[in-house]
Amino acid sequence: MAPPADPIAVRVWRGDLVESEHRAVASVWRGDTRIGSIGDVERRHFPRSAAKPFQALASLTILDAEGFALRDEERAVIASSHAGEPLHTELITGLLARAGLDGTHLRCGAHAPFAEEAARALVRSRAAPTALHHNCSGKHAAMLAT
C-alpha cells in the first residue's frame, strides 16, 4: 500500500493559474517540544540532497579556516545538486586543482548530466560522463579538498 500523499505546502500561481504545487512534511520545534507540523512527521524519510547544505557545512568551515578563499559560485556548487553543465564541471575541476587533485579522485560515480543540452553535447562529442557530471560532485570535491 502506498503511503498517503504529503499535504500541499506551497502553491505557485501565475496569474489565475496554479503553475506548480509542492508537497512537504515539516515540523517546527522550540527546544525539545514540537510546536507544529504538517504531514506524517513520524514516517521515515530519506532527505538525500536536501541534507547537502548541512553535509557541506563542515567542509566549507574547514576550507574557510584554511584560507581556501572560495568564491560564491564554488560555495553554491558545493552545497547543492548541480546539472552537470560545463560551468559546474569547470568549477569543480578548478576546486579540485587548487587542492592538488583532479576528477579521477572523485568516488561518487558518474552519470549523464541532468541538463539536456549538456548531455546531448557529451553524446555528440562521443565523450562518456565522468564523476564531474555527478550531481553531488561539488560536495565530494569539497570533502576531498579538506
N, C-alpha and C. Protein backbone atom coordinates (compact mmCIF):
# COMPACT_ATOMS: atom_id res chain seq x y z
N MET A 1 0.84 -1.18 0.00
CA MET A 1 0.00 0.00 0.00
C MET A 1 0.89 1.24 0.00
N ALA A 2 0.57 2.18 -0.85
CA ALA A 2 1.35 3.42 -0.95
C ALA A 2 1.05 4.30 0.26
N PRO A 3 2.07 5.02 0.73
CA PRO A 3 1.82 5.93 1.85
C PRO A 3 0.91 7.07 1.38
N PRO A 4 0.20 7.69 2.31
CA PRO A 4 -0.67 8.80 1.92
C PRO A 4 0.17 9.93 1.34
N ALA A 5 -0.42 10.65 0.41
CA ALA A 5 0.28 11.78 -0.20
C ALA A 5 0.53 12.85 0.85
N ASP A 6 1.70 13.44 0.79
CA ASP A 6 2.01 14.54 1.70
C ASP A 6 1.14 15.74 1.32
N PRO A 7 0.81 16.59 2.30
CA PRO A 7 -0.04 17.73 2.00
C PRO A 7 0.67 18.75 1.11
N ILE A 8 -0.13 19.44 0.33
CA ILE A 8 0.43 20.52 -0.49
C ILE A 8 0.78 21.66 0.46
N ALA A 9 2.04 22.05 0.47
CA ALA A 9 2.51 23.09 1.38
C ALA A 9 2.69 24.43 0.66
N VAL A 10 2.94 24.37 -0.64
CA VAL A 10 3.21 25.59 -1.41
C VAL A 10 2.50 25.49 -2.75
N ARG A 11 1.84 26.56 -3.14
CA ARG A 11 1.28 26.68 -4.49
C ARG A 11 1.90 27.91 -5.12
N VAL A 12 2.39 27.74 -6.33
CA VAL A 12 2.95 28.86 -7.09
C VAL A 12 1.91 29.25 -8.14
N TRP A 13 1.52 30.50 -8.11
CA TRP A 13 0.48 30.98 -9.02
C TRP A 13 1.11 31.83 -10.12
N ARG A 14 0.58 31.70 -11.31
CA ARG A 14 0.92 32.58 -12.43
C ARG A 14 -0.41 33.15 -12.89
N GLY A 15 -0.67 34.38 -12.47
CA GLY A 15 -1.97 34.97 -12.76
C GLY A 15 -3.05 34.18 -12.03
N ASP A 16 -4.04 33.70 -12.78
CA ASP A 16 -5.14 32.94 -12.19
C ASP A 16 -4.91 31.43 -12.19
N LEU A 17 -3.75 30.99 -12.67
CA LEU A 17 -3.49 29.56 -12.80
C LEU A 17 -2.45 29.08 -11.79
N VAL A 18 -2.69 27.90 -11.26
CA VAL A 18 -1.68 27.28 -10.40
C VAL A 18 -0.60 26.71 -11.32
N GLU A 19 0.63 27.23 -11.19
CA GLU A 19 1.74 26.78 -12.02
C GLU A 19 2.35 25.50 -11.49
N SER A 20 2.49 25.42 -10.17
CA SER A 20 3.05 24.21 -9.58
C SER A 20 2.60 24.11 -8.13
N GLU A 21 2.62 22.87 -7.65
CA GLU A 21 2.31 22.60 -6.26
C GLU A 21 3.44 21.76 -5.68
N HIS A 22 3.77 22.03 -4.44
CA HIS A 22 4.89 21.33 -3.80
C HIS A 22 4.41 20.75 -2.48
N ARG A 23 4.58 19.45 -2.35
CA ARG A 23 4.17 18.75 -1.14
C ARG A 23 5.32 18.77 -0.14
N ALA A 24 4.97 18.68 1.13
CA ALA A 24 6.01 18.73 2.15
C ALA A 24 5.56 18.03 3.42
N VAL A 25 6.55 17.62 4.17
CA VAL A 25 6.38 17.16 5.54
C VAL A 25 7.35 18.01 6.35
N ALA A 26 6.86 18.63 7.40
CA ALA A 26 7.73 19.52 8.17
C ALA A 26 7.25 19.58 9.61
N SER A 27 8.19 19.87 10.48
CA SER A 27 7.83 20.10 11.88
C SER A 27 8.63 21.28 12.39
N VAL A 28 8.04 21.97 13.32
CA VAL A 28 8.67 23.15 13.93
C VAL A 28 8.86 22.84 15.41
N TRP A 29 10.07 23.10 15.88
CA TRP A 29 10.41 22.77 17.27
C TRP A 29 10.85 24.02 18.02
N ARG A 30 10.50 24.06 19.29
CA ARG A 30 11.04 25.05 20.22
C ARG A 30 11.70 24.23 21.32
N GLY A 31 13.03 24.21 21.27
CA GLY A 31 13.75 23.35 22.21
C GLY A 31 13.43 21.90 21.93
N ASP A 32 12.95 21.19 22.94
CA ASP A 32 12.61 19.77 22.80
C ASP A 32 11.13 19.54 22.53
N THR A 33 10.39 20.60 22.27
CA THR A 33 8.94 20.49 22.10
C THR A 33 8.54 20.81 20.66
N ARG A 34 7.83 19.86 20.06
CA ARG A 34 7.30 20.13 18.72
C ARG A 34 6.09 21.04 18.88
N ILE A 35 6.12 22.19 18.21
CA ILE A 35 5.03 23.16 18.36
C ILE A 35 4.13 23.21 17.12
N GLY A 36 4.49 22.49 16.08
CA GLY A 36 3.64 22.45 14.90
C GLY A 36 4.17 21.46 13.90
N SER A 37 3.29 21.01 13.01
CA SER A 37 3.74 20.09 11.97
C SER A 37 2.70 20.00 10.87
N ILE A 38 3.14 19.55 9.70
CA ILE A 38 2.24 19.19 8.61
C ILE A 38 2.72 17.85 8.06
N GLY A 39 1.79 17.04 7.62
CA GLY A 39 2.16 15.74 7.06
C GLY A 39 2.49 14.74 8.15
N ASP A 40 2.87 13.56 7.72
CA ASP A 40 3.19 12.46 8.63
C ASP A 40 4.65 12.55 9.05
N VAL A 41 4.90 13.30 10.10
CA VAL A 41 6.27 13.53 10.55
C VAL A 41 6.88 12.30 11.23
N GLU A 42 6.08 11.29 11.51
CA GLU A 42 6.61 10.06 12.10
C GLU A 42 7.08 9.07 11.03
N ARG A 43 6.67 9.27 9.80
CA ARG A 43 7.07 8.38 8.71
C ARG A 43 8.56 8.62 8.39
N ARG A 44 9.27 7.54 8.13
CA ARG A 44 10.69 7.67 7.78
C ARG A 44 10.85 8.37 6.44
N HIS A 45 11.84 9.23 6.38
CA HIS A 45 12.13 9.97 5.16
C HIS A 45 13.61 9.84 4.85
N PHE A 46 13.94 9.96 3.61
CA PHE A 46 15.32 9.95 3.17
C PHE A 46 15.62 11.32 2.59
N PRO A 47 16.31 12.17 3.34
CA PRO A 47 16.49 13.55 2.90
C PRO A 47 17.35 13.70 1.64
N ARG A 48 18.22 12.74 1.37
CA ARG A 48 19.08 12.77 0.19
C ARG A 48 19.69 14.16 0.00
N SER A 49 19.47 14.77 -1.13
CA SER A 49 20.14 16.04 -1.44
C SER A 49 19.65 17.20 -0.58
N ALA A 50 18.51 17.06 0.07
CA ALA A 50 18.06 18.12 0.96
C ALA A 50 19.02 18.31 2.14
N ALA A 51 19.80 17.28 2.44
CA ALA A 51 20.78 17.36 3.52
C ALA A 51 22.11 17.95 3.07
N LYS A 52 22.26 18.16 1.78
CA LYS A 52 23.55 18.58 1.24
C LYS A 52 24.11 19.86 1.88
N PRO A 53 23.31 20.90 2.11
CA PRO A 53 23.89 22.09 2.76
C PRO A 53 24.47 21.78 4.14
N PHE A 54 23.83 20.88 4.87
CA PHE A 54 24.33 20.52 6.19
C PHE A 54 25.59 19.67 6.08
N GLN A 55 25.62 18.77 5.09
CA GLN A 55 26.81 17.95 4.86
C GLN A 55 27.98 18.83 4.42
N ALA A 56 27.69 19.83 3.62
CA ALA A 56 28.75 20.70 3.09
C ALA A 56 29.30 21.65 4.15
N LEU A 57 28.53 21.91 5.17
CA LEU A 57 28.94 22.90 6.18
C LEU A 57 30.30 22.61 6.78
N ALA A 58 30.57 21.35 7.11
CA ALA A 58 31.87 21.01 7.72
C ALA A 58 33.00 21.33 6.76
N SER A 59 32.86 20.94 5.50
CA SER A 59 33.92 21.21 4.52
C SER A 59 34.09 22.71 4.31
N LEU A 60 32.98 23.43 4.20
CA LEU A 60 33.07 24.88 4.00
C LEU A 60 33.75 25.56 5.18
N THR A 61 33.42 25.12 6.38
CA THR A 61 34.03 25.70 7.58
C THR A 61 35.53 25.46 7.60
N ILE A 62 35.94 24.24 7.29
CA ILE A 62 37.38 23.90 7.28
C ILE A 62 38.10 24.67 6.18
N LEU A 63 37.53 24.69 4.98
CA LEU A 63 38.17 25.39 3.87
C LEU A 63 38.30 26.88 4.16
N ASP A 64 37.28 27.48 4.78
CA ASP A 64 37.36 28.89 5.17
C ASP A 64 38.48 29.10 6.19
N ALA A 65 38.55 28.22 7.19
CA ALA A 65 39.57 28.34 8.23
C ALA A 65 40.97 28.19 7.66
N GLU A 66 41.10 27.38 6.60
CA GLU A 66 42.41 27.18 5.97
C GLU A 66 42.74 28.27 4.96
N GLY A 67 41.84 29.25 4.79
CA GLY A 67 42.10 30.34 3.86
C GLY A 67 41.95 29.95 2.40
N PHE A 68 41.10 28.98 2.11
CA PHE A 68 40.92 28.49 0.74
C PHE A 68 40.28 29.51 -0.18
N ALA A 69 39.67 30.55 0.36
CA ALA A 69 39.08 31.67 -0.40
C ALA A 69 38.11 31.19 -1.49
N LEU A 70 37.06 30.56 -1.06
CA LEU A 70 36.05 30.07 -2.01
C LEU A 70 35.22 31.22 -2.56
N ARG A 71 34.95 31.17 -3.86
CA ARG A 71 34.06 32.14 -4.49
C ARG A 71 32.61 31.71 -4.25
N ASP A 72 31.69 32.64 -4.40
CA ASP A 72 30.27 32.32 -4.19
C ASP A 72 29.81 31.18 -5.09
N GLU A 73 30.28 31.16 -6.35
CA GLU A 73 29.89 30.11 -7.28
C GLU A 73 30.36 28.74 -6.80
N GLU A 74 31.55 28.69 -6.21
CA GLU A 74 32.08 27.43 -5.68
C GLU A 74 31.26 26.98 -4.47
N ARG A 75 30.92 27.92 -3.61
CA ARG A 75 30.09 27.59 -2.45
C ARG A 75 28.75 27.01 -2.90
N ALA A 76 28.19 27.61 -3.93
CA ALA A 76 26.89 27.15 -4.43
C ALA A 76 26.96 25.72 -4.96
N VAL A 77 28.00 25.40 -5.74
CA VAL A 77 28.10 24.06 -6.32
C VAL A 77 28.46 23.02 -5.26
N ILE A 78 29.09 23.45 -4.18
CA ILE A 78 29.42 22.55 -3.07
C ILE A 78 28.16 22.19 -2.27
N ALA A 79 27.29 23.16 -2.06
CA ALA A 79 26.14 22.97 -1.17
C ALA A 79 24.85 22.63 -1.89
N SER A 80 24.95 22.23 -3.16
CA SER A 80 23.73 21.96 -3.92
C SER A 80 23.91 20.75 -4.83
N SER A 81 22.84 20.40 -5.50
CA SER A 81 22.91 19.41 -6.58
C SER A 81 23.01 20.20 -7.87
N HIS A 82 23.94 19.82 -8.74
CA HIS A 82 24.08 20.55 -9.99
C HIS A 82 23.65 19.68 -11.16
N ALA A 83 23.58 20.29 -12.34
CA ALA A 83 23.03 19.61 -13.52
C ALA A 83 24.09 19.11 -14.48
N GLY A 84 25.37 19.20 -14.10
CA GLY A 84 26.43 18.67 -14.96
C GLY A 84 26.75 19.53 -16.16
N GLU A 85 26.37 20.79 -16.12
CA GLU A 85 26.68 21.70 -17.22
C GLU A 85 28.15 22.09 -17.17
N PRO A 86 28.71 22.57 -18.29
CA PRO A 86 30.13 22.94 -18.31
C PRO A 86 30.52 23.89 -17.18
N LEU A 87 29.69 24.87 -16.86
CA LEU A 87 30.01 25.77 -15.76
C LEU A 87 30.24 24.99 -14.47
N HIS A 88 29.40 24.01 -14.22
CA HIS A 88 29.51 23.22 -12.99
C HIS A 88 30.79 22.38 -12.98
N THR A 89 31.04 21.67 -14.08
CA THR A 89 32.22 20.80 -14.12
C THR A 89 33.50 21.63 -14.09
N GLU A 90 33.47 22.83 -14.68
CA GLU A 90 34.66 23.70 -14.63
C GLU A 90 34.91 24.19 -13.22
N LEU A 91 33.86 24.57 -12.50
CA LEU A 91 34.02 24.99 -11.10
C LEU A 91 34.62 23.88 -10.26
N ILE A 92 34.11 22.67 -10.43
CA ILE A 92 34.58 21.54 -9.64
C ILE A 92 36.01 21.17 -10.03
N THR A 93 36.32 21.20 -11.32
CA THR A 93 37.69 20.93 -11.77
C THR A 93 38.65 21.94 -11.16
N GLY A 94 38.26 23.21 -11.14
CA GLY A 94 39.11 24.25 -10.55
C GLY A 94 39.29 24.07 -9.06
N LEU A 95 38.23 23.72 -8.37
CA LEU A 95 38.30 23.48 -6.93
C LEU A 95 39.25 22.33 -6.62
N LEU A 96 39.10 21.24 -7.37
CA LEU A 96 39.99 20.09 -7.17
C LEU A 96 41.44 20.45 -7.48
N ALA A 97 41.66 21.20 -8.56
CA ALA A 97 43.03 21.57 -8.95
C ALA A 97 43.69 22.40 -7.86
N ARG A 98 42.94 23.31 -7.25
CA ARG A 98 43.51 24.14 -6.17
C ARG A 98 43.92 23.28 -4.98
N ALA A 99 43.33 22.09 -4.85
CA ALA A 99 43.68 21.17 -3.76
C ALA A 99 44.71 20.14 -4.22
N GLY A 100 45.22 20.29 -5.46
CA GLY A 100 46.21 19.34 -5.97
C GLY A 100 45.58 18.03 -6.43
N LEU A 101 44.31 18.06 -6.79
CA LEU A 101 43.57 16.86 -7.18
C LEU A 101 42.94 17.05 -8.55
N ASP A 102 42.34 15.99 -9.06
CA ASP A 102 41.57 16.10 -10.30
C ASP A 102 40.35 15.17 -10.22
N GLY A 103 39.57 15.14 -11.29
CA GLY A 103 38.32 14.38 -11.29
C GLY A 103 38.48 12.90 -11.04
N THR A 104 39.67 12.35 -11.28
CA THR A 104 39.87 10.92 -11.04
C THR A 104 39.85 10.58 -9.55
N HIS A 105 39.99 11.58 -8.69
CA HIS A 105 39.97 11.34 -7.25
C HIS A 105 38.54 11.19 -6.71
N LEU A 106 37.55 11.62 -7.47
CA LEU A 106 36.16 11.52 -7.03
C LEU A 106 35.69 10.07 -7.06
N ARG A 107 34.94 9.66 -6.05
CA ARG A 107 34.43 8.29 -5.98
C ARG A 107 32.90 8.27 -5.89
N CYS A 108 32.27 9.35 -6.36
CA CYS A 108 30.81 9.44 -6.26
C CYS A 108 30.10 8.78 -7.43
N GLY A 109 30.84 8.20 -8.36
CA GLY A 109 30.22 7.59 -9.52
C GLY A 109 30.02 8.61 -10.62
N ALA A 110 29.52 8.15 -11.74
CA ALA A 110 29.29 9.03 -12.89
C ALA A 110 27.89 8.80 -13.42
N HIS A 111 27.29 9.86 -13.89
CA HIS A 111 26.03 9.75 -14.63
C HIS A 111 25.96 10.90 -15.62
N ALA A 112 25.12 10.75 -16.61
CA ALA A 112 24.96 11.79 -17.62
C ALA A 112 24.46 13.07 -16.96
N PRO A 113 24.83 14.22 -17.51
CA PRO A 113 24.32 15.48 -16.97
C PRO A 113 22.79 15.50 -16.96
N PHE A 114 22.22 16.11 -15.95
CA PHE A 114 20.77 16.28 -15.91
C PHE A 114 20.33 17.35 -16.90
N ALA A 115 21.20 18.31 -17.19
CA ALA A 115 20.90 19.35 -18.18
C ALA A 115 20.91 18.70 -19.56
N GLU A 116 19.78 18.75 -20.25
CA GLU A 116 19.65 18.02 -21.52
C GLU A 116 20.68 18.45 -22.55
N GLU A 117 20.93 19.74 -22.69
CA GLU A 117 21.89 20.19 -23.70
C GLU A 117 23.30 19.70 -23.36
N ALA A 118 23.67 19.71 -22.09
CA ALA A 118 24.98 19.20 -21.69
C ALA A 118 25.08 17.71 -21.97
N ALA A 119 24.01 16.97 -21.74
CA ALA A 119 24.01 15.52 -22.04
C ALA A 119 24.14 15.28 -23.54
N ARG A 120 23.40 16.06 -24.34
CA ARG A 120 23.49 15.91 -25.80
C ARG A 120 24.89 16.26 -26.30
N ALA A 121 25.49 17.29 -25.72
CA ALA A 121 26.84 17.69 -26.14
C ALA A 121 27.84 16.57 -25.86
N LEU A 122 27.69 15.88 -24.74
CA LEU A 122 28.57 14.74 -24.45
C LEU A 122 28.40 13.65 -25.49
N VAL A 123 27.16 13.34 -25.83
CA VAL A 123 26.90 12.30 -26.84
C VAL A 123 27.50 12.70 -28.18
N ARG A 124 27.29 13.97 -28.57
CA ARG A 124 27.83 14.44 -29.86
C ARG A 124 29.35 14.34 -29.90
N SER A 125 29.99 14.61 -28.76
CA SER A 125 31.46 14.57 -28.71
C SER A 125 31.99 13.16 -28.47
N ARG A 126 31.07 12.21 -28.32
CA ARG A 126 31.42 10.81 -28.04
C ARG A 126 32.21 10.66 -26.73
N ALA A 127 31.97 11.57 -25.81
CA ALA A 127 32.62 11.52 -24.50
C ALA A 127 31.68 10.84 -23.51
N ALA A 128 32.25 10.11 -22.61
CA ALA A 128 31.47 9.44 -21.56
C ALA A 128 31.31 10.39 -20.37
N PRO A 129 30.19 10.31 -19.67
CA PRO A 129 30.06 11.08 -18.44
C PRO A 129 31.15 10.66 -17.44
N THR A 130 31.57 11.60 -16.64
CA THR A 130 32.56 11.33 -15.59
C THR A 130 31.96 11.68 -14.23
N ALA A 131 32.71 11.43 -13.20
CA ALA A 131 32.26 11.79 -11.85
C ALA A 131 32.04 13.29 -11.72
N LEU A 132 32.71 14.10 -12.55
CA LEU A 132 32.50 15.54 -12.51
C LEU A 132 31.05 15.90 -12.86
N HIS A 133 30.39 15.07 -13.66
CA HIS A 133 29.00 15.33 -14.04
C HIS A 133 28.00 14.91 -12.97
N HIS A 134 28.44 14.11 -12.00
CA HIS A 134 27.55 13.63 -10.94
C HIS A 134 27.00 14.83 -10.17
N ASN A 135 25.71 14.83 -9.91
CA ASN A 135 25.09 15.98 -9.28
C ASN A 135 25.63 16.28 -7.88
N CYS A 136 26.32 15.35 -7.25
CA CYS A 136 26.88 15.56 -5.91
C CYS A 136 28.38 15.83 -5.92
N SER A 137 28.98 15.95 -7.10
CA SER A 137 30.45 16.03 -7.16
C SER A 137 31.01 17.28 -6.51
N GLY A 138 30.26 18.36 -6.44
CA GLY A 138 30.75 19.56 -5.77
C GLY A 138 30.99 19.33 -4.29
N LYS A 139 30.04 18.68 -3.65
CA LYS A 139 30.18 18.36 -2.22
C LYS A 139 31.35 17.41 -2.01
N HIS A 140 31.46 16.40 -2.87
CA HIS A 140 32.55 15.43 -2.74
C HIS A 140 33.91 16.10 -2.98
N ALA A 141 33.98 17.02 -3.93
CA ALA A 141 35.22 17.74 -4.19
C ALA A 141 35.64 18.55 -2.97
N ALA A 142 34.68 19.20 -2.33
CA ALA A 142 34.99 19.98 -1.13
C ALA A 142 35.48 19.08 0.00
N MET A 143 34.87 17.91 0.14
CA MET A 143 35.32 16.97 1.17
C MET A 143 36.76 16.55 0.91
N LEU A 144 37.08 16.29 -0.36
CA LEU A 144 38.46 15.91 -0.70
C LEU A 144 39.43 17.06 -0.48
N ALA A 145 38.99 18.27 -0.75
CA ALA A 145 39.87 19.44 -0.62
C ALA A 145 40.24 19.72 0.82
N THR A 146 39.42 19.22 1.76
CA THR A 146 39.75 19.44 3.17
C THR A 146 40.80 18.44 3.55
